[in-house]
Amino acid sequence: MIRTLRYVFLGGLALVLLTVALANRAPVEVRLLPGDLAALTGLSFAAEVPLFLIIFAGIVAGVLIGFVWEWFREMKHRSTATVKTREVARLERELAVLRDSTSLPKDDVLALLDQPKAR
């Protein structure tokens, strides 16, 4: 059911993106710098690309910036989780050593003799 819903959603999204691409096929000129600044610096790079490529590149750039932003934001949580995981592993090893060194005697008679006497 979820797989089918996912395929329907992806198909609808593909249809919307295709419609946007077909509606915005006109070429536009993309410049590196504004005209006056390009004349001042001598850098006058310009390219003509379809408008839908600009739209899709903006969407992809926004998604990538969001991913990087979240990765940096969650870095403190990941480092805390790593520290806690190491601490849990260390404490489990310590507990295993303590259990081995203070294990109860295997014989019931010895266990009765080891119990503290009540007065």
N, C-alpha and C. Protein backbone atom coordinates (compact mmCIF):
# COMPACT_ATOMS: atom_id res chain seq x y z
N MET A 1 0.83 -1.19 0.00
CA MET A 1 0.00 0.00 0.00
C MET A 1 0.87 1.25 0.00
N ILE A 2 1.87 1.30 0.89
CA ILE A 2 2.74 2.48 0.98
C ILE A 2 3.58 2.60 -0.30
N ARG A 3 4.04 1.46 -0.82
CA ARG A 3 4.83 1.48 -2.04
C ARG A 3 4.01 2.07 -3.20
N THR A 4 2.77 1.65 -3.30
CA THR A 4 1.89 2.16 -4.35
C THR A 4 1.67 3.65 -4.19
N LEU A 5 1.43 4.09 -2.96
CA LEU A 5 1.23 5.51 -2.68
C LEU A 5 2.49 6.31 -3.04
N ARG A 6 3.64 5.75 -2.75
CA ARG A 6 4.90 6.42 -3.09
C ARG A 6 5.04 6.56 -4.60
N TYR A 7 4.73 5.49 -5.35
CA TYR A 7 4.83 5.54 -6.81
C TYR A 7 3.84 6.55 -7.40
N VAL A 8 2.65 6.62 -6.84
CA VAL A 8 1.67 7.60 -7.31
C VAL A 8 2.18 9.02 -7.04
N PHE A 9 2.73 9.25 -5.87
CA PHE A 9 3.27 10.57 -5.53
C PHE A 9 4.42 10.93 -6.46
N LEU A 10 5.38 10.00 -6.68
CA LEU A 10 6.51 10.29 -7.56
C LEU A 10 6.06 10.51 -9.00
N GLY A 11 5.05 9.76 -9.44
CA GLY A 11 4.52 9.97 -10.79
C GLY A 11 3.88 11.34 -10.92
N GLY A 12 3.12 11.76 -9.92
CA GLY A 12 2.52 13.10 -9.94
C GLY A 12 3.57 14.19 -9.92
N LEU A 13 4.60 13.99 -9.10
CA LEU A 13 5.69 14.97 -9.04
C LEU A 13 6.41 15.06 -10.38
N ALA A 14 6.66 13.92 -11.02
CA ALA A 14 7.30 13.92 -12.33
C ALA A 14 6.43 14.64 -13.36
N LEU A 15 5.13 14.43 -13.28
CA LEU A 15 4.22 15.10 -14.21
C LEU A 15 4.24 16.61 -14.01
N VAL A 16 4.26 17.06 -12.75
CA VAL A 16 4.31 18.50 -12.46
C VAL A 16 5.64 19.09 -12.95
N LEU A 17 6.75 18.41 -12.71
CA LEU A 17 8.05 18.92 -13.15
C LEU A 17 8.13 18.95 -14.67
N LEU A 18 7.58 17.96 -15.33
CA LEU A 18 7.57 17.95 -16.79
C LEU A 18 6.73 19.11 -17.33
N THR A 19 5.60 19.37 -16.70
CA THR A 19 4.75 20.48 -17.12
C THR A 19 5.47 21.82 -16.95
N VAL A 20 6.15 21.99 -15.83
CA VAL A 20 6.91 23.23 -15.60
C VAL A 20 8.02 23.36 -16.64
N ALA A 21 8.69 22.26 -16.94
CA ALA A 21 9.78 22.30 -17.93
C ALA A 21 9.25 22.67 -19.31
N LEU A 22 8.11 22.09 -19.70
CA LEU A 22 7.56 22.39 -21.02
C LEU A 22 7.03 23.82 -21.11
N ALA A 23 6.53 24.34 -20.02
CA ALA A 23 5.99 25.70 -20.02
C ALA A 23 7.09 26.76 -19.99
N ASN A 24 8.31 26.39 -19.57
CA ASN A 24 9.39 27.36 -19.42
C ASN A 24 10.60 26.96 -20.27
N ARG A 25 10.36 26.71 -21.53
CA ARG A 25 11.43 26.29 -22.43
C ARG A 25 12.19 27.46 -23.03
N ALA A 26 11.71 28.65 -22.90
CA ALA A 26 12.33 29.81 -23.54
C ALA A 26 13.73 30.04 -22.97
N PRO A 27 14.69 30.34 -23.84
CA PRO A 27 16.05 30.58 -23.35
C PRO A 27 16.15 31.95 -22.65
N VAL A 28 16.91 31.96 -21.59
CA VAL A 28 17.19 33.21 -20.87
C VAL A 28 18.70 33.34 -20.74
N GLU A 29 19.16 34.58 -20.67
CA GLU A 29 20.58 34.82 -20.53
C GLU A 29 20.93 34.91 -19.05
N VAL A 30 21.89 34.11 -18.64
CA VAL A 30 22.36 34.12 -17.25
C VAL A 30 23.76 34.71 -17.26
N ARG A 31 23.93 35.77 -16.48
CA ARG A 31 25.23 36.45 -16.41
C ARG A 31 25.86 36.23 -15.05
N LEU A 32 27.19 36.22 -15.05
CA LEU A 32 27.94 36.07 -13.82
C LEU A 32 27.84 37.34 -12.96
N LEU A 33 27.94 38.49 -13.60
CA LEU A 33 27.90 39.78 -12.90
C LEU A 33 26.95 40.72 -13.64
N PRO A 34 26.41 41.75 -12.95
CA PRO A 34 25.62 42.77 -13.65
C PRO A 34 26.48 43.49 -14.70
N GLY A 35 25.83 44.09 -15.69
CA GLY A 35 26.54 44.71 -16.82
C GLY A 35 27.61 45.71 -16.43
N ASP A 36 27.29 46.67 -15.55
CA ASP A 36 28.26 47.69 -15.16
C ASP A 36 29.45 47.10 -14.41
N LEU A 37 29.17 46.17 -13.52
CA LEU A 37 30.24 45.54 -12.74
C LEU A 37 31.09 44.63 -13.63
N ALA A 38 30.47 43.99 -14.62
CA ALA A 38 31.22 43.15 -15.56
C ALA A 38 32.15 44.00 -16.41
N ALA A 39 31.69 45.18 -16.81
CA ALA A 39 32.54 46.09 -17.60
C ALA A 39 33.70 46.60 -16.77
N LEU A 40 33.46 46.85 -15.49
CA LEU A 40 34.51 47.36 -14.60
C LEU A 40 35.57 46.31 -14.34
N THR A 41 35.15 45.07 -14.11
CA THR A 41 36.10 44.01 -13.75
C THR A 41 36.63 43.25 -14.96
N GLY A 42 35.95 43.33 -16.07
CA GLY A 42 36.39 42.60 -17.25
C GLY A 42 35.89 41.16 -17.29
N LEU A 43 35.08 40.78 -16.34
CA LEU A 43 34.51 39.43 -16.29
C LEU A 43 33.09 39.49 -16.82
N SER A 44 32.93 39.08 -18.06
CA SER A 44 31.59 39.17 -18.64
C SER A 44 31.12 37.79 -19.12
N PHE A 45 31.07 36.86 -18.22
CA PHE A 45 30.60 35.52 -18.58
C PHE A 45 29.07 35.53 -18.64
N ALA A 46 28.52 34.99 -19.73
CA ALA A 46 27.08 34.89 -19.89
C ALA A 46 26.77 33.63 -20.67
N ALA A 47 25.63 33.01 -20.35
CA ALA A 47 25.22 31.80 -21.06
C ALA A 47 23.71 31.84 -21.23
N GLU A 48 23.25 31.28 -22.32
CA GLU A 48 21.81 31.17 -22.54
C GLU A 48 21.39 29.74 -22.26
N VAL A 49 20.46 29.61 -21.32
CA VAL A 49 19.94 28.28 -20.93
C VAL A 49 18.42 28.38 -20.84
N PRO A 50 17.75 27.25 -20.96
CA PRO A 50 16.29 27.28 -20.78
C PRO A 50 15.92 27.67 -19.35
N LEU A 51 14.82 28.37 -19.21
CA LEU A 51 14.40 28.87 -17.90
C LEU A 51 14.15 27.74 -16.91
N PHE A 52 13.64 26.59 -17.39
CA PHE A 52 13.34 25.51 -16.44
C PHE A 52 14.62 24.97 -15.80
N LEU A 53 15.76 25.05 -16.49
CA LEU A 53 17.02 24.63 -15.86
C LEU A 53 17.38 25.54 -14.69
N ILE A 54 17.12 26.82 -14.84
CA ILE A 54 17.38 27.77 -13.74
C ILE A 54 16.46 27.45 -12.56
N ILE A 55 15.20 27.18 -12.85
CA ILE A 55 14.23 26.86 -11.79
C ILE A 55 14.65 25.59 -11.07
N PHE A 56 14.97 24.54 -11.83
CA PHE A 56 15.35 23.26 -11.21
C PHE A 56 16.68 23.37 -10.47
N ALA A 57 17.62 24.16 -11.01
CA ALA A 57 18.90 24.35 -10.32
C ALA A 57 18.69 25.09 -8.99
N GLY A 58 17.76 26.03 -8.98
CA GLY A 58 17.44 26.72 -7.72
C GLY A 58 16.85 25.78 -6.68
N ILE A 59 15.99 24.87 -7.13
CA ILE A 59 15.39 23.90 -6.22
C ILE A 59 16.46 22.96 -5.67
N VAL A 60 17.32 22.45 -6.56
CA VAL A 60 18.38 21.53 -6.13
C VAL A 60 19.35 22.24 -5.19
N ALA A 61 19.71 23.48 -5.50
CA ALA A 61 20.62 24.23 -4.63
C ALA A 61 19.99 24.45 -3.25
N GLY A 62 18.71 24.75 -3.20
CA GLY A 62 18.03 24.93 -1.92
C GLY A 62 18.00 23.66 -1.10
N VAL A 63 17.74 22.54 -1.75
CA VAL A 63 17.72 21.26 -1.04
C VAL A 63 19.12 20.92 -0.50
N LEU A 64 20.15 21.11 -1.32
CA LEU A 64 21.51 20.82 -0.88
C LEU A 64 21.94 21.73 0.27
N ILE A 65 21.62 23.00 0.18
CA ILE A 65 21.94 23.92 1.28
C ILE A 65 21.22 23.50 2.55
N GLY A 66 19.97 23.08 2.42
CA GLY A 66 19.22 22.61 3.59
C GLY A 66 19.83 21.36 4.20
N PHE A 67 20.28 20.43 3.36
CA PHE A 67 20.92 19.21 3.88
C PHE A 67 22.20 19.54 4.64
N VAL A 68 23.02 20.41 4.05
CA VAL A 68 24.28 20.78 4.70
C VAL A 68 24.00 21.52 6.01
N TRP A 69 23.03 22.42 5.98
CA TRP A 69 22.66 23.17 7.19
C TRP A 69 22.24 22.21 8.30
N GLU A 70 21.38 21.25 7.99
CA GLU A 70 20.92 20.28 8.99
C GLU A 70 22.06 19.39 9.46
N TRP A 71 22.97 19.03 8.58
CA TRP A 71 24.09 18.19 8.97
C TRP A 71 24.95 18.92 10.00
N PHE A 72 25.21 20.21 9.77
CA PHE A 72 25.97 21.00 10.74
C PHE A 72 25.17 21.18 12.04
N ARG A 73 23.87 21.39 11.94
CA ARG A 73 23.05 21.60 13.12
C ARG A 73 22.99 20.34 13.99
N GLU A 74 22.97 19.18 13.37
CA GLU A 74 22.86 17.93 14.11
C GLU A 74 24.22 17.38 14.54
N MET A 75 25.30 18.06 14.21
CA MET A 75 26.62 17.56 14.54
C MET A 75 26.80 17.40 16.05
N LYS A 76 26.28 18.34 16.84
CA LYS A 76 26.43 18.23 18.29
C LYS A 76 25.66 17.03 18.83
N HIS A 77 24.52 16.71 18.23
CA HIS A 77 23.75 15.56 18.67
C HIS A 77 24.48 14.25 18.34
N ARG A 78 25.10 14.20 17.17
CA ARG A 78 25.84 13.01 16.78
C ARG A 78 27.06 12.81 17.66
N SER A 79 27.76 13.90 17.99
CA SER A 79 28.94 13.77 18.84
C SER A 79 28.54 13.35 20.25
N THR A 80 27.44 13.88 20.76
CA THR A 80 26.96 13.47 22.08
C THR A 80 26.57 12.00 22.07
N ALA A 81 25.91 11.55 21.02
CA ALA A 81 25.53 10.14 20.93
C ALA A 81 26.76 9.24 20.87
N THR A 82 27.80 9.67 20.17
CA THR A 82 29.03 8.89 20.10
C THR A 82 29.68 8.78 21.46
N VAL A 83 29.74 9.88 22.20
CA VAL A 83 30.32 9.87 23.53
C VAL A 83 29.53 8.95 24.45
N LYS A 84 28.21 9.06 24.40
CA LYS A 84 27.36 8.22 25.26
C LYS A 84 27.49 6.74 24.89
N THR A 85 27.61 6.43 23.61
CA THR A 85 27.79 5.04 23.18
C THR A 85 29.09 4.47 23.71
N ARG A 86 30.15 5.26 23.64
CA ARG A 86 31.44 4.81 24.19
C ARG A 86 31.35 4.60 25.69
N GLU A 87 30.66 5.52 26.38
CA GLU A 87 30.52 5.39 27.82
C GLU A 87 29.72 4.15 28.20
N VAL A 88 28.66 3.87 27.48
CA VAL A 88 27.85 2.67 27.75
C VAL A 88 28.69 1.42 27.53
N ALA A 89 29.48 1.39 26.46
CA ALA A 89 30.33 0.22 26.19
C ALA A 89 31.35 0.04 27.31
N ARG A 90 31.94 1.14 27.77
CA ARG A 90 32.92 1.05 28.85
C ARG A 90 32.27 0.55 30.14
N LEU A 91 31.08 1.06 30.46
CA LEU A 91 30.40 0.64 31.67
C LEU A 91 29.95 -0.82 31.58
N GLU A 92 29.55 -1.27 30.39
CA GLU A 92 29.18 -2.68 30.24
C GLU A 92 30.38 -3.59 30.43
N ARG A 93 31.54 -3.17 29.91
CA ARG A 93 32.76 -3.97 30.14
C ARG A 93 33.11 -4.00 31.62
N GLU A 94 33.01 -2.86 32.27
CA GLU A 94 33.30 -2.78 33.70
C GLU A 94 32.34 -3.65 34.51
N LEU A 95 31.07 -3.63 34.15
CA LEU A 95 30.08 -4.45 34.83
C LEU A 95 30.36 -5.94 34.63
N ALA A 96 30.77 -6.32 33.44
CA ALA A 96 31.09 -7.73 33.19
C ALA A 96 32.27 -8.17 34.03
N VAL A 97 33.27 -7.30 34.18
CA VAL A 97 34.42 -7.64 35.02
C VAL A 97 33.99 -7.77 36.48
N LEU A 98 33.15 -6.85 36.95
CA LEU A 98 32.68 -6.92 38.33
C LEU A 98 31.84 -8.16 38.58
N ARG A 99 31.01 -8.53 37.63
CA ARG A 99 30.19 -9.73 37.80
C ARG A 99 31.05 -10.97 37.86
N ASP A 100 32.11 -11.03 37.08
CA ASP A 100 32.99 -12.18 37.10
C ASP A 100 33.77 -12.27 38.41
N SER A 101 34.21 -11.14 38.94
CA SER A 101 35.04 -11.16 40.15
C SER A 101 34.21 -11.35 41.42
N THR A 102 32.94 -10.99 41.40
CA THR A 102 32.12 -11.12 42.60
C THR A 102 30.97 -12.10 42.40
N SER A 103 31.21 -13.09 41.55
CA SER A 103 30.13 -14.04 41.30
C SER A 103 29.90 -14.91 42.53
N LEU A 104 28.70 -15.38 42.67
CA LEU A 104 28.33 -16.20 43.82
C LEU A 104 29.00 -17.56 43.72
N PRO A 105 29.30 -18.16 44.85
CA PRO A 105 29.90 -19.51 44.81
C PRO A 105 28.91 -20.49 44.16
N LYS A 106 29.47 -21.50 43.54
CA LYS A 106 28.64 -22.47 42.85
C LYS A 106 28.02 -23.49 43.80
N ASP A 107 28.57 -23.66 44.98
CA ASP A 107 28.09 -24.65 45.94
C ASP A 107 27.16 -23.99 46.95
N ASP A 108 26.02 -24.61 47.25
CA ASP A 108 25.06 -24.04 48.20
C ASP A 108 25.62 -23.96 49.61
N VAL A 109 26.42 -24.94 49.99
CA VAL A 109 27.00 -24.94 51.34
C VAL A 109 27.97 -23.77 51.49
N LEU A 110 28.79 -23.54 50.49
CA LEU A 110 29.72 -22.42 50.54
C LEU A 110 28.97 -21.09 50.53
N ALA A 111 27.84 -21.02 49.82
CA ALA A 111 27.04 -19.80 49.80
C ALA A 111 26.48 -19.52 51.18
N LEU A 112 26.06 -20.58 51.93
CA LEU A 112 25.54 -20.39 53.30
C LEU A 112 26.65 -19.94 54.24
N LEU A 113 27.85 -20.44 54.05
CA LEU A 113 28.95 -20.06 54.91
C LEU A 113 29.42 -18.63 54.65
N ASP A 114 29.26 -18.17 53.42
CA ASP A 114 29.69 -16.83 53.06
C ASP A 114 28.71 -15.76 53.50
N GLN A 115 27.48 -16.12 53.84
CA GLN A 115 26.49 -15.13 54.27
C GLN A 115 26.89 -14.56 55.62
N PRO A 116 26.66 -13.26 55.83
CA PRO A 116 26.96 -12.67 57.13
C PRO A 116 26.02 -13.23 58.20
N LYS A 117 26.55 -13.40 59.39
CA LYS A 117 25.75 -13.96 60.49
C LYS A 117 24.88 -12.90 61.11
N ALA A 118 23.64 -13.24 61.36
CA ALA A 118 22.70 -12.33 62.01
C ALA A 118 22.87 -12.44 63.52
N ARG A 119 22.91 -11.39 64.24
CA ARG A 119 23.08 -11.41 65.70
C ARG A 119 21.84 -10.98 66.40
